[in-house]
Amino acid sequence: MMMRYCCMKPLDRNIVAHSYGTVDPEITWEIITDDIPVLKQYCSTIIASA
């Protein structure tokens, strides 16, 4: 599983922030189910080691 840079590529962020009608539900679901849990674990590891 590859994690996107900061969960979202800059282009993805622009689509979400500025083009509400063009958000792809499938990509959004992939971010929610695949990327965010990986990011959460990564952040937890960093916080625990601080």
PDB file of N, CA and C in Angstrom:
ATOM      1  N   MET A   1       0.844  -1.176   0.000  1.00  0.00           N
ATOM      2  CA  MET A   1       0.000   0.000   0.000  1.00  0.00           C
ATOM      3  C   MET A   1       0.891   1.241   0.000  1.00  0.00           C
ATOM      4  N   MET A   2       0.719   2.100  -0.973  1.00  0.00           N
ATOM      5  CA  MET A   2       1.485   3.333  -1.043  1.00  0.00           C
ATOM      6  C   MET A   2       0.692   4.461  -0.420  1.00  0.00           C
ATOM      7  N   MET A   3       1.360   5.242   0.417  1.00  0.00           N
ATOM      8  CA  MET A   3       0.690   6.384   1.008  1.00  0.00           C
ATOM      9  C   MET A   3       0.970   7.607   0.156  1.00  0.00           C
ATOM     10  N   ARG A   4      -0.045   8.350  -0.123  1.00  0.00           N
ATOM     11  CA  ARG A   4       0.157   9.595  -0.852  1.00  0.00           C
ATOM     12  C   ARG A   4       0.883  10.570   0.069  1.00  0.00           C
ATOM     13  N   TYR A   5       1.633  11.466  -0.525  1.00  0.00           N
ATOM     14  CA  TYR A   5       2.333  12.495   0.246  1.00  0.00           C
ATOM     15  C   TYR A   5       1.313  13.307   1.019  1.00  0.00           C
ATOM     16  N   CYS A   6       1.419  13.282   2.321  1.00  0.00           N
ATOM     17  CA  CYS A   6       0.481  13.986   3.211  1.00  0.00           C
ATOM     18  C   CYS A   6      -0.965  13.622   2.897  1.00  0.00           C
ATOM     19  N   CYS A   7      -1.206  12.393   2.596  1.00  0.00           N
ATOM     20  CA  CYS A   7      -2.537  11.857   2.301  1.00  0.00           C
ATOM     21  C   CYS A   7      -3.084  12.324   0.969  1.00  0.00           C
ATOM     22  N   MET A   8      -2.770  13.517   0.554  1.00  0.00           N
ATOM     23  CA  MET A   8      -3.334  14.033  -0.682  1.00  0.00           C
ATOM     24  C   MET A   8      -2.260  14.755  -1.476  1.00  0.00           C
ATOM     25  N   LYS A   9      -2.254  14.501  -2.763  1.00  0.00           N
ATOM     26  CA  LYS A   9      -1.377  15.277  -3.632  1.00  0.00           C
ATOM     27  C   LYS A   9      -1.948  16.688  -3.706  1.00  0.00           C
ATOM     28  N   PRO A  10      -1.111  17.686  -3.971  1.00  0.00           N
ATOM     29  CA  PRO A  10      -1.625  19.055  -4.047  1.00  0.00           C
ATOM     30  C   PRO A  10      -2.798  19.191  -5.018  1.00  0.00           C
ATOM     31  N   LEU A  11      -2.761  18.460  -6.121  1.00  0.00           N
ATOM     32  CA  LEU A  11      -3.860  18.534  -7.074  1.00  0.00           C
ATOM     33  C   LEU A  11      -5.149  18.011  -6.445  1.00  0.00           C
ATOM     34  N   ASP A  12      -5.074  16.902  -5.698  1.00  0.00           N
ATOM     35  CA  ASP A  12      -6.255  16.367  -5.019  1.00  0.00           C
ATOM     36  C   ASP A  12      -6.823  17.399  -4.053  1.00  0.00           C
ATOM     37  N   ARG A  13      -5.952  18.066  -3.324  1.00  0.00           N
ATOM     38  CA  ARG A  13      -6.399  19.065  -2.355  1.00  0.00           C
ATOM     39  C   ARG A  13      -7.121  20.206  -3.060  1.00  0.00           C
ATOM     40  N   ASN A  14      -6.604  20.639  -4.201  1.00  0.00           N
ATOM     41  CA  ASN A  14      -7.269  21.703  -4.956  1.00  0.00           C
ATOM     42  C   ASN A  14      -8.649  21.268  -5.423  1.00  0.00           C
ATOM     43  N   ILE A  15      -8.772  20.029  -5.862  1.00  0.00           N
ATOM     44  CA  ILE A  15     -10.075  19.546  -6.312  1.00  0.00           C
ATOM     45  C   ILE A  15     -11.065  19.571  -5.166  1.00  0.00           C
ATOM     46  N   VAL A  16     -10.639  19.090  -4.011  1.00  0.00           N
ATOM     47  CA  VAL A  16     -11.536  19.065  -2.855  1.00  0.00           C
ATOM     48  C   VAL A  16     -11.866  20.483  -2.406  1.00  0.00           C
ATOM     49  N   ALA A  17     -10.879  21.351  -2.380  1.00  0.00           N
ATOM     50  CA  ALA A  17     -11.084  22.696  -1.856  1.00  0.00           C
ATOM     51  C   ALA A  17     -11.853  23.611  -2.804  1.00  0.00           C
ATOM     52  N   HIS A  18     -11.702  23.395  -4.114  1.00  0.00           N
ATOM     53  CA  HIS A  18     -12.241  24.378  -5.044  1.00  0.00           C
ATOM     54  C   HIS A  18     -13.240  23.847  -6.065  1.00  0.00           C
ATOM     55  N   SER A  19     -13.383  22.560  -6.180  1.00  0.00           N
ATOM     56  CA  SER A  19     -14.286  22.002  -7.193  1.00  0.00           C
ATOM     57  C   SER A  19     -15.186  20.952  -6.561  1.00  0.00           C
ATOM     58  N   TYR A  20     -16.059  21.384  -5.717  1.00  0.00           N
ATOM     59  CA  TYR A  20     -16.868  20.461  -4.929  1.00  0.00           C
ATOM     60  C   TYR A  20     -17.635  19.467  -5.788  1.00  0.00           C
ATOM     61  N   GLY A  21     -18.118  19.880  -6.929  1.00  0.00           N
ATOM     62  CA  GLY A  21     -18.899  18.996  -7.777  1.00  0.00           C
ATOM     63  C   GLY A  21     -18.098  17.920  -8.483  1.00  0.00           C
ATOM     64  N   THR A  22     -16.772  18.001  -8.446  1.00  0.00           N
ATOM     65  CA  THR A  22     -15.951  17.037  -9.172  1.00  0.00           C
ATOM     66  C   THR A  22     -15.187  16.085  -8.250  1.00  0.00           C
ATOM     67  N   VAL A  23     -15.554  16.048  -6.985  1.00  0.00           N
ATOM     68  CA  VAL A  23     -14.888  15.132  -6.063  1.00  0.00           C
ATOM     69  C   VAL A  23     -15.310  13.714  -6.410  1.00  0.00           C
ATOM     70  N   ASP A  24     -14.323  12.856  -6.624  1.00  0.00           N
ATOM     71  CA  ASP A  24     -14.591  11.464  -6.973  1.00  0.00           C
ATOM     72  C   ASP A  24     -14.818  10.675  -5.685  1.00  0.00           C
ATOM     73  N   PRO A  25     -16.016  10.161  -5.467  1.00  0.00           N
ATOM     74  CA  PRO A  25     -16.300   9.426  -4.227  1.00  0.00           C
ATOM     75  C   PRO A  25     -15.378   8.223  -4.024  1.00  0.00           C
ATOM     76  N   GLU A  26     -14.970   7.575  -5.109  1.00  0.00           N
ATOM     77  CA  GLU A  26     -14.092   6.413  -4.988  1.00  0.00           C
ATOM     78  C   GLU A  26     -12.714   6.821  -4.463  1.00  0.00           C
ATOM     79  N   ILE A  27     -12.174   7.900  -4.986  1.00  0.00           N
ATOM     80  CA  ILE A  27     -10.874   8.379  -4.510  1.00  0.00           C
ATOM     81  C   ILE A  27     -10.994   8.846  -3.061  1.00  0.00           C
ATOM     82  N   THR A  28     -12.081   9.544  -2.752  1.00  0.00           N
ATOM     83  CA  THR A  28     -12.309   9.995  -1.381  1.00  0.00           C
ATOM     84  C   THR A  28     -12.356   8.808  -0.428  1.00  0.00           C
ATOM     85  N   TRP A  29     -13.073   7.747  -0.799  1.00  0.00           N
ATOM     86  CA  TRP A  29     -13.166   6.560   0.040  1.00  0.00           C
ATOM     87  C   TRP A  29     -11.798   5.890   0.207  1.00  0.00           C
ATOM     88  N   GLU A  30     -11.007   5.848  -0.863  1.00  0.00           N
ATOM     89  CA  GLU A  30      -9.657   5.272  -0.770  1.00  0.00           C
ATOM     90  C   GLU A  30      -8.796   6.068   0.206  1.00  0.00           C
ATOM     91  N   ILE A  31      -8.908   7.371   0.175  1.00  0.00           N
ATOM     92  CA  ILE A  31      -8.152   8.210   1.102  1.00  0.00           C
ATOM     93  C   ILE A  31      -8.582   7.920   2.535  1.00  0.00           C
ATOM     94  N   ILE A  32      -9.885   7.837   2.750  1.00  0.00           N
ATOM     95  CA  ILE A  32     -10.412   7.592   4.094  1.00  0.00           C
ATOM     96  C   ILE A  32      -9.999   6.217   4.610  1.00  0.00           C
ATOM     97  N   THR A  33     -10.117   5.197   3.775  1.00  0.00           N
ATOM     98  CA  THR A  33      -9.889   3.833   4.245  1.00  0.00           C
ATOM     99  C   THR A  33      -8.432   3.382   4.149  1.00  0.00           C
ATOM    100  N   ASP A  34      -7.660   3.922   3.217  1.00  0.00           N
ATOM    101  CA  ASP A  34      -6.285   3.464   3.019  1.00  0.00           C
ATOM    102  C   ASP A  34      -5.249   4.433   3.586  1.00  0.00           C
ATOM    103  N   ASP A  35      -5.364   5.698   3.235  1.00  0.00           N
ATOM    104  CA  ASP A  35      -4.306   6.657   3.565  1.00  0.00           C
ATOM    105  C   ASP A  35      -4.378   7.171   4.995  1.00  0.00           C
ATOM    106  N   ILE A  36      -5.565   7.501   5.477  1.00  0.00           N
ATOM    107  CA  ILE A  36      -5.681   8.098   6.809  1.00  0.00           C
ATOM    108  C   ILE A  36      -5.239   7.136   7.907  1.00  0.00           C
ATOM    109  N   PRO A  37      -5.612   5.850   7.877  1.00  0.00           N
ATOM    110  CA  PRO A  37      -5.100   4.955   8.919  1.00  0.00           C
ATOM    111  C   PRO A  37      -3.567   4.846   8.922  1.00  0.00           C
ATOM    112  N   VAL A  38      -2.956   4.848   7.745  1.00  0.00           N
ATOM    113  CA  VAL A  38      -1.494   4.797   7.657  1.00  0.00           C
ATOM    114  C   VAL A  38      -0.897   6.083   8.235  1.00  0.00           C
ATOM    115  N   LEU A  39      -1.466   7.214   7.889  1.00  0.00           N
ATOM    116  CA  LEU A  39      -0.998   8.489   8.422  1.00  0.00           C
ATOM    117  C   LEU A  39      -1.176   8.537   9.938  1.00  0.00           C
ATOM    118  N   LYS A  40      -2.303   8.047  10.429  1.00  0.00           N
ATOM    119  CA  LYS A  40      -2.553   8.027  11.876  1.00  0.00           C
ATOM    120  C   LYS A  40      -1.484   7.204  12.595  1.00  0.00           C
ATOM    121  N   GLN A  41      -1.154   6.034  12.054  1.00  0.00           N
ATOM    122  CA  GLN A  41      -0.133   5.194  12.673  1.00  0.00           C
ATOM    123  C   GLN A  41       1.224   5.877  12.634  1.00  0.00           C
ATOM    124  N   TYR A  42       1.549   6.495  11.518  1.00  0.00           N
ATOM    125  CA  TYR A  42       2.807   7.219  11.373  1.00  0.00           C
ATOM    126  C   TYR A  42       2.911   8.334  12.412  1.00  0.00           C
ATOM    127  N   CYS A  43       1.862   9.120  12.558  1.00  0.00           N
ATOM    128  CA  CYS A  43       1.854  10.223  13.526  1.00  0.00           C
ATOM    129  C   CYS A  43       1.952   9.684  14.947  1.00  0.00           C
ATOM    130  N   SER A  44       1.249   8.601  15.239  1.00  0.00           N
ATOM    131  CA  SER A  44       1.312   8.008  16.579  1.00  0.00           C
ATOM    132  C   SER A  44       2.723   7.550  16.909  1.00  0.00           C
ATOM    133  N   THR A  45       3.406   6.973  15.922  1.00  0.00           N
ATOM    134  CA  THR A  45       4.780   6.524  16.125  1.00  0.00           C
ATOM    135  C   THR A  45       5.702   7.699  16.426  1.00  0.00           C
ATOM    136  N   ILE A  46       5.541   8.775  15.696  1.00  0.00           N
ATOM    137  CA  ILE A  46       6.370   9.965  15.918  1.00  0.00           C
ATOM    138  C   ILE A  46       6.093  10.557  17.294  1.00  0.00           C
ATOM    139  N   ILE A  47       4.825  10.655  17.662  1.00  0.00           N
ATOM    140  CA  ILE A  47       4.466  11.219  18.964  1.00  0.00           C
ATOM    141  C   ILE A  47       5.011  10.351  20.090  1.00  0.00           C
ATOM    142  N   ALA A  48       4.912   9.033  19.943  1.00  0.00           N
ATOM    143  CA  ALA A  48       5.395   8.118  20.978  1.00  0.00           C
ATOM    144  C   ALA A  48       6.911   8.186  21.148  1.00  0.00           C
ATOM    145  N   SER A  49       7.622   8.507  20.073  1.00  0.00           N
ATOM    146  CA  SER A  49       9.082   8.556  20.159  1.00  0.00           C
ATOM    147  C   SER A  49       9.603   9.935  20.580  1.00  0.00           C
ATOM    148  N   ALA A  50       8.721  10.889  20.710  1.00  0.00           N
ATOM    149  CA  ALA A  50       9.141  12.253  21.066  1.00  0.00           C
ATOM    150  C   ALA A  50       9.392  12.401  22.552  1.00  0.00           C
TER     151      ALA A  50
END
